[in-house]
Amino acid sequence: MAAKIKKGDRVVVLAGRDKGKTGEVLKMLPSENRAVVQGVNMVKRHTRPSQAGAGGIIEKEASIDLSNVSHIDPKDNKATRIGFRVENGRKIRFAKRSGEPIDR
């Protein structure tokens, strides 16, 4: 099955403590069916100092299950499902809510 959500997509969180928040997908973990979304599911990590940087408590994004995120419709900025269609010999994703293409 083709991935419906990709890196760089704008998504909205549907469930959990960050419900309603929006952000950009920073990283996809397709084998785990999860995504890392900017500013969503923030966790604190206690890190030891290393050559790379100072230690301390850093806050970073943890992954979120794909079932809890939905694509944002480019027309009205609301959650939408994704469909596929072929235009000019290219398979593109489109928002089922408005019919707007997502891939340019």
Protein backbone atom coordinates (compact mmCIF):
# COMPACT_ATOMS: atom_id res chain seq x y z
CA MET A 1 0.00 0.00 0.00
CA ALA A 2 1.27 3.47 -0.84
CA ALA A 3 1.99 5.76 2.12
CA LYS A 4 -0.82 8.25 2.58
CA ILE A 5 1.21 10.50 4.90
CA LYS A 6 4.73 11.54 3.96
CA LYS A 7 7.55 13.62 5.42
CA GLY A 8 6.77 17.33 5.08
CA ASP A 9 2.98 16.92 5.15
CA ARG A 10 0.82 19.12 7.41
CA VAL A 11 -1.23 16.99 9.79
CA VAL A 12 -3.68 17.45 12.68
CA VAL A 13 -3.76 15.23 15.80
CA LEU A 14 -7.12 13.47 16.26
CA ALA A 15 -6.63 11.79 19.67
CA GLY A 16 -4.51 11.94 22.80
CA ARG A 17 -3.22 14.75 24.99
CA ASP A 18 -2.25 16.85 21.93
CA LYS A 19 -5.65 16.53 20.22
CA GLY A 20 -6.29 19.45 17.86
CA LYS A 21 -2.63 20.45 17.48
CA THR A 22 -1.22 20.74 13.97
CA GLY A 23 2.32 20.34 12.73
CA GLU A 24 4.62 19.17 9.98
CA VAL A 25 5.74 15.55 9.73
CA LEU A 26 9.49 15.56 10.49
CA LYS A 27 10.11 11.82 10.18
CA MET A 28 8.19 8.73 9.12
CA LEU A 29 8.63 5.31 10.75
CA PRO A 30 6.68 3.11 8.31
CA SER A 31 7.80 -0.19 9.83
CA GLU A 32 6.29 0.90 13.18
CA ASN A 33 3.30 2.71 11.58
CA ARG A 34 4.31 5.92 13.37
CA ALA A 35 5.35 9.50 12.57
CA VAL A 36 7.25 12.27 14.36
CA VAL A 37 5.28 15.54 14.16
CA GLN A 38 6.79 18.96 14.93
CA GLY A 39 5.69 20.30 18.34
CA VAL A 40 3.47 17.29 19.13
CA ASN A 41 3.92 14.56 21.78
CA MET A 42 6.80 16.37 23.50
CA VAL A 43 8.80 14.29 26.00
CA LYS A 44 11.68 15.15 28.32
CA ARG A 45 14.89 13.15 27.95
CA HIS A 46 17.67 13.16 30.55
CA THR A 47 20.91 13.16 28.55
CA ARG A 48 24.48 12.62 29.67
CA PRO A 49 27.11 15.14 28.51
CA SER A 50 29.06 14.00 25.48
CA GLN A 51 31.40 15.46 22.85
CA ALA A 52 28.34 16.27 20.75
CA GLY A 53 26.80 18.55 23.38
CA ALA A 54 26.12 19.39 26.98
CA GLY A 55 23.90 17.12 29.02
CA GLY A 56 20.75 18.02 30.89
CA ILE A 57 17.05 17.64 30.36
CA ILE A 58 16.11 18.19 26.73
CA GLU A 59 12.60 18.26 25.33
CA LYS A 60 11.97 16.62 21.98
CA GLU A 61 9.19 15.11 19.89
CA ALA A 62 8.29 11.45 20.33
CA SER A 63 6.58 9.45 17.60
CA ILE A 64 2.79 9.27 17.37
CA ASP A 65 0.70 6.48 15.84
CA LEU A 66 -0.54 7.18 12.30
CA SER A 67 -4.10 6.29 13.34
CA ASN A 68 -4.09 9.39 15.57
CA VAL A 69 -3.15 11.88 12.84
CA SER A 70 -4.99 13.06 9.75
CA HIS A 71 -3.95 15.14 6.78
CA ILE A 72 -4.98 18.81 6.63
CA ASP A 73 -7.15 19.83 3.68
CA PRO A 74 -5.29 22.55 1.72
CA LYS A 75 -8.57 24.40 1.05
CA ASP A 76 -10.13 24.79 4.53
CA ASN A 77 -7.45 23.57 6.99
CA LYS A 78 -9.62 20.80 8.44
CA ALA A 79 -8.88 17.08 8.78
CA THR A 80 -9.41 15.04 5.62
CA ARG A 81 -8.87 11.56 4.31
CA ILE A 82 -6.50 10.93 1.39
CA GLY A 83 -7.29 9.35 -1.95
CA PHE A 84 -5.21 8.50 -4.99
CA ARG A 85 -5.89 9.21 -8.65
CA VAL A 86 -3.90 9.31 -11.86
CA GLU A 87 -3.51 12.67 -13.59
CA ASN A 88 -1.37 13.08 -16.71
CA GLY A 89 0.12 9.62 -16.16
CA ARG A 90 1.21 10.45 -12.57
CA LYS A 91 -0.32 9.00 -9.43
CA ILE A 92 -1.17 11.87 -7.08
CA ARG A 93 -2.72 12.16 -3.63
CA PHE A 94 -5.83 14.29 -3.19
CA ALA A 95 -7.98 15.46 -0.27
CA LYS A 96 -11.26 13.54 -0.22
CA ARG A 97 -12.96 16.47 1.55
CA SER A 98 -12.43 19.05 -1.21
CA GLY A 99 -10.87 17.11 -4.10
CA GLU A 100 -7.80 19.37 -4.00
CA PRO A 101 -4.52 17.71 -5.05
CA ILE A 102 -1.91 17.45 -2.29
CA ASP A 103 1.10 16.58 -4.44
CA ARG A 104 2.07 19.34 -6.83
